[in-house]
C-alpha atoms as a PDB file:
ATOM      1  CA  MET A   1     114.491 110.467  91.208  1.00  0.00           C
ATOM      2  CA  ILE A   2     114.642 113.195  88.523  1.00  0.00           C
ATOM      3  CA  THR A   3     116.132 112.491  85.085  1.00  0.00           C
ATOM      4  CA  THR A   4     118.284 114.938  83.135  1.00  0.00           C
ATOM      5  CA  ASN A   5     115.225 116.159  81.231  1.00  0.00           C
ATOM      6  CA  GLY A   6     113.429 116.934  84.513  1.00  0.00           C
ATOM      7  CA  ALA A   7     110.916 114.096  84.333  1.00  0.00           C
ATOM      8  CA  ALA A   8     110.243 112.206  87.528  1.00  0.00           C
ATOM      9  CA  GLN A   9     111.203 108.542  87.502  1.00  0.00           C
ATOM     10  CA  PRO A  10     110.241 106.019  90.165  1.00  0.00           C
ATOM     11  CA  GLU A  11     113.022 104.861  92.432  1.00  0.00           C
ATOM     12  CA  SER A  12     114.268 101.339  92.029  1.00  0.00           C
ATOM     13  CA  LEU A  13     112.024  98.819  93.748  1.00  0.00           C
ATOM     14  CA  THR A  14     115.023  96.859  94.964  1.00  0.00           C
ATOM     15  CA  ARG A  15     117.191  97.958  97.838  1.00  0.00           C
ATOM     16  CA  LYS A  16     120.593  96.729  98.804  1.00  0.00           C
ATOM     17  CA  ILE A  17     120.550  95.010 102.171  1.00  0.00           C
ATOM     18  CA  VAL A  18     123.515  95.981 104.305  1.00  0.00           C
ATOM     19  CA  GLY A  19     124.995  94.555 107.459  1.00  0.00           C
ATOM     20  CA  LEU A  20     124.672  90.914 108.412  1.00  0.00           C
ATOM     21  CA  GLY A  21     121.546  90.535 106.309  1.00  0.00           C
ATOM     22  CA  GLY A  22     123.645  91.042 103.199  1.00  0.00           C
ATOM     23  CA  ALA A  23     125.706  87.956 103.994  1.00  0.00           C
ATOM     24  CA  THR A  24     125.143  84.794 102.025  1.00  0.00           C
ATOM     25  CA  CYS A  25     123.794  81.742 103.782  1.00  0.00           C
ATOM     26  CA  GLN A  26     127.176  80.163 103.150  1.00  0.00           C
ATOM     27  CA  ARG A  27     128.816  83.027 105.100  1.00  0.00           C
ATOM     28  CA  PHE A  28     126.204  82.679 107.875  1.00  0.00           C
ATOM     29  CA  ASN A  29     126.957  78.956 108.138  1.00  0.00           C
ATOM     30  CA  ALA A  30     130.691  79.639 108.337  1.00  0.00           C
ATOM     31  CA  ASP A  31     130.264  82.450 110.892  1.00  0.00           C
ATOM     32  CA  ILE A  32     128.204  80.379 113.304  1.00  0.00           C
ATOM     33  CA  ALA A  33     130.507  77.378 112.876  1.00  0.00           C
ATOM     34  CA  MET A  34     133.524  79.563 113.675  1.00  0.00           C
ATOM     35  CA  ASP A  35     131.855  81.183 116.698  1.00  0.00           C
ATOM     36  CA  PRO A  36     128.424  80.001 117.848  1.00  0.00           C
ATOM     37  CA  SER A  37     127.830  83.330 119.615  1.00  0.00           C
ATOM     38  CA  ASN A  38     127.489  84.875 116.137  1.00  0.00           C
ATOM     39  CA  ARG A  39     123.955  83.425 116.110  1.00  0.00           C
ATOM     40  CA  ARG A  40     122.957  86.172 118.536  1.00  0.00           C
ATOM     41  CA  ASP A  41     124.253  88.916 116.230  1.00  0.00           C
ATOM     42  CA  TYR A  42     122.432  87.535 113.213  1.00  0.00           C
ATOM     43  CA  LEU A  43     119.243  87.100 115.230  1.00  0.00           C
ATOM     44  CA  ALA A  44     119.449  90.678 116.514  1.00  0.00           C
ATOM     45  CA  TRP A  45     119.907  91.968 112.959  1.00  0.00           C
ATOM     46  CA  ALA A  46     116.934  89.898 111.825  1.00  0.00           C
ATOM     47  CA  GLN A  47     114.675  91.189 114.599  1.00  0.00           C
ATOM     48  CA  GLY A  48     115.583  94.789 113.717  1.00  0.00           C
ATOM     49  CA  TYR A  49     114.967  94.202 110.025  1.00  0.00           C
ATOM     50  CA  MET A  50     111.635  92.479 110.635  1.00  0.00           C
ATOM     51  CA  SER A  51     110.599  95.288 112.993  1.00  0.00           C
ATOM     52  CA  ALA A  52     110.998  97.750 110.130  1.00  0.00           C
ATOM     53  CA  ILE A  53     109.024  95.761 107.545  1.00  0.00           C
ATOM     54  CA  PRO A  54     105.581  96.932 108.772  1.00  0.00           C
ATOM     55  CA  LEU A  55     106.697 100.560 108.419  1.00  0.00           C
ATOM     56  CA  GLY A  56     106.517 100.199 104.645  1.00  0.00           C
ATOM     57  CA  ARG A  57     103.134  98.491 104.674  1.00  0.00           C
ATOM     58  CA  PRO A  58      99.684 100.056 104.582  1.00  0.00           C
ATOM     59  CA  VAL A  59      98.127 100.894 107.938  1.00  0.00           C
ATOM     60  CA  GLY A  60      96.538  97.817 109.424  1.00  0.00           C
ATOM     61  CA  VAL A  61      98.801  95.322 107.665  1.00  0.00           C
ATOM     62  CA  ASP A  62     101.050  93.497 110.139  1.00  0.00           C
ATOM     63  CA  ASP A  63     100.566  96.252 112.759  1.00  0.00           C
ATOM     64  CA  SER A  64     100.041  93.714 115.514  1.00  0.00           C
ATOM     65  CA  LEU A  65     102.431  91.042 114.265  1.00  0.00           C
ATOM     66  CA  ASP A  66     104.254  89.439 117.183  1.00  0.00           C
ATOM     67  CA  LEU A  67     107.871  88.877 116.160  1.00  0.00           C
ATOM     68  CA  VAL A  68     108.468  86.645 119.177  1.00  0.00           C
ATOM     69  CA  PRO A  69     105.255  84.690 119.639  1.00  0.00           C
ATOM     70  CA  PRO A  70     105.108  82.184 122.488  1.00  0.00           C
ATOM     71  CA  THR A  71     104.724  79.412 119.918  1.00  0.00           C
ATOM     72  CA  PHE A  72     107.883  80.365 117.978  1.00  0.00           C
ATOM     73  CA  GLY A  73     110.412  82.037 120.264  1.00  0.00           C
ATOM     74  CA  LEU A  74     113.950  83.206 119.618  1.00  0.00           C
ATOM     75  CA  PRO A  75     115.585  79.761 119.946  1.00  0.00           C
ATOM     76  CA  ASP A  76     113.154  78.421 117.333  1.00  0.00           C
ATOM     77  CA  GLN A  77     113.860  81.400 115.097  1.00  0.00           C
ATOM     78  CA  SER A  78     117.612  80.886 115.372  1.00  0.00           C
ATOM     79  CA  LYS A  79     117.131  77.225 114.443  1.00  0.00           C
ATOM     80  CA  PHE A  80     114.923  78.313 111.510  1.00  0.00           C
ATOM     81  CA  PHE A  81     117.840  80.359 110.137  1.00  0.00           C
ATOM     82  CA  GLU A  82     120.247  77.466 110.524  1.00  0.00           C
ATOM     83  CA  ASP A  83     117.904  75.033 108.780  1.00  0.00           C
ATOM     84  CA  PHE A  84     117.126  77.515 106.006  1.00  0.00           C
ATOM     85  CA  CYS A  85     120.764  78.335 105.329  1.00  0.00           C
ATOM     86  CA  VAL A  86     121.914  74.713 105.387  1.00  0.00           C
ATOM     87  CA  SER A  87     119.291  73.947 102.750  1.00  0.00           C
ATOM     88  CA  ASN A  88     119.833  77.158 100.728  1.00  0.00           C
ATOM     89  CA  VAL A  89     123.549  77.962 100.804  1.00  0.00           C
ATOM     90  CA  ALA A  90     123.363  79.986  97.583  1.00  0.00           C
ATOM     91  CA  MET A  91     120.737  82.343  99.019  1.00  0.00           C
ATOM     92  CA  ASP A  92     121.296  85.345 101.277  1.00  0.00           C
ATOM     93  CA  PHE A  93     120.665  85.541 104.998  1.00  0.00           C
ATOM     94  CA  GLY A  94     118.173  88.309 104.166  1.00  0.00           C
ATOM     95  CA  ASP A  95     116.167  85.705 102.252  1.00  0.00           C
ATOM     96  CA  ALA A  96     116.102  83.576 105.397  1.00  0.00           C
ATOM     97  CA  VAL A  97     114.812  86.551 107.378  1.00  0.00           C
ATOM     98  CA  GLU A  98     112.044  87.205 104.869  1.00  0.00           C
ATOM     99  CA  ALA A  99     111.086  83.522 104.985  1.00  0.00           C
ATOM    100  CA  LEU A 100     110.938  83.704 108.774  1.00  0.00           C
ATOM    101  CA  TYR A 101     108.784  86.836 108.584  1.00  0.00           C
ATOM    102  CA  LYS A 102     106.307  84.964 106.388  1.00  0.00           C
ATOM    103  CA  ARG A 103     106.370  82.084 108.873  1.00  0.00           C
ATOM    104  CA  LEU A 104     105.648  84.452 111.753  1.00  0.00           C
ATOM    105  CA  ARG A 105     102.710  85.917 109.828  1.00  0.00           C
ATOM    106  CA  GLN A 106     101.321  82.385 109.496  1.00  0.00           C
ATOM    107  CA  GLU A 107     102.053  81.734 113.174  1.00  0.00           C
ATOM    108  CA  GLY A 108      99.958  84.774 114.095  1.00  0.00           C
ATOM    109  CA  LYS A 109      96.975  83.360 112.214  1.00  0.00           C
ATOM    110  CA  THR A 110      96.863  80.172 114.274  1.00  0.00           C
END
């Protein structure tokens, strides 16, 4: 970003998450209670978001991360989101996705 005096300024380190990931956990809980098939939409958003995370990392970091390891498949991941959001209603669904990503990194180390 360039300021009015022409000096370069770093871009903000925070980004606004859009789509389902921008929903609160409270909204996620309500959406899946209203229509259980909404779980699939949230899970698809999460998989897309997590697939993009390694793109912003240095080469060699998370390059081989398995987002659907045999030990923690999609049903387990969907349940992870439900458990996270029941316990953290004030947080965002994006926070649940980042927590799952960290869990999957740990899963890959075992």
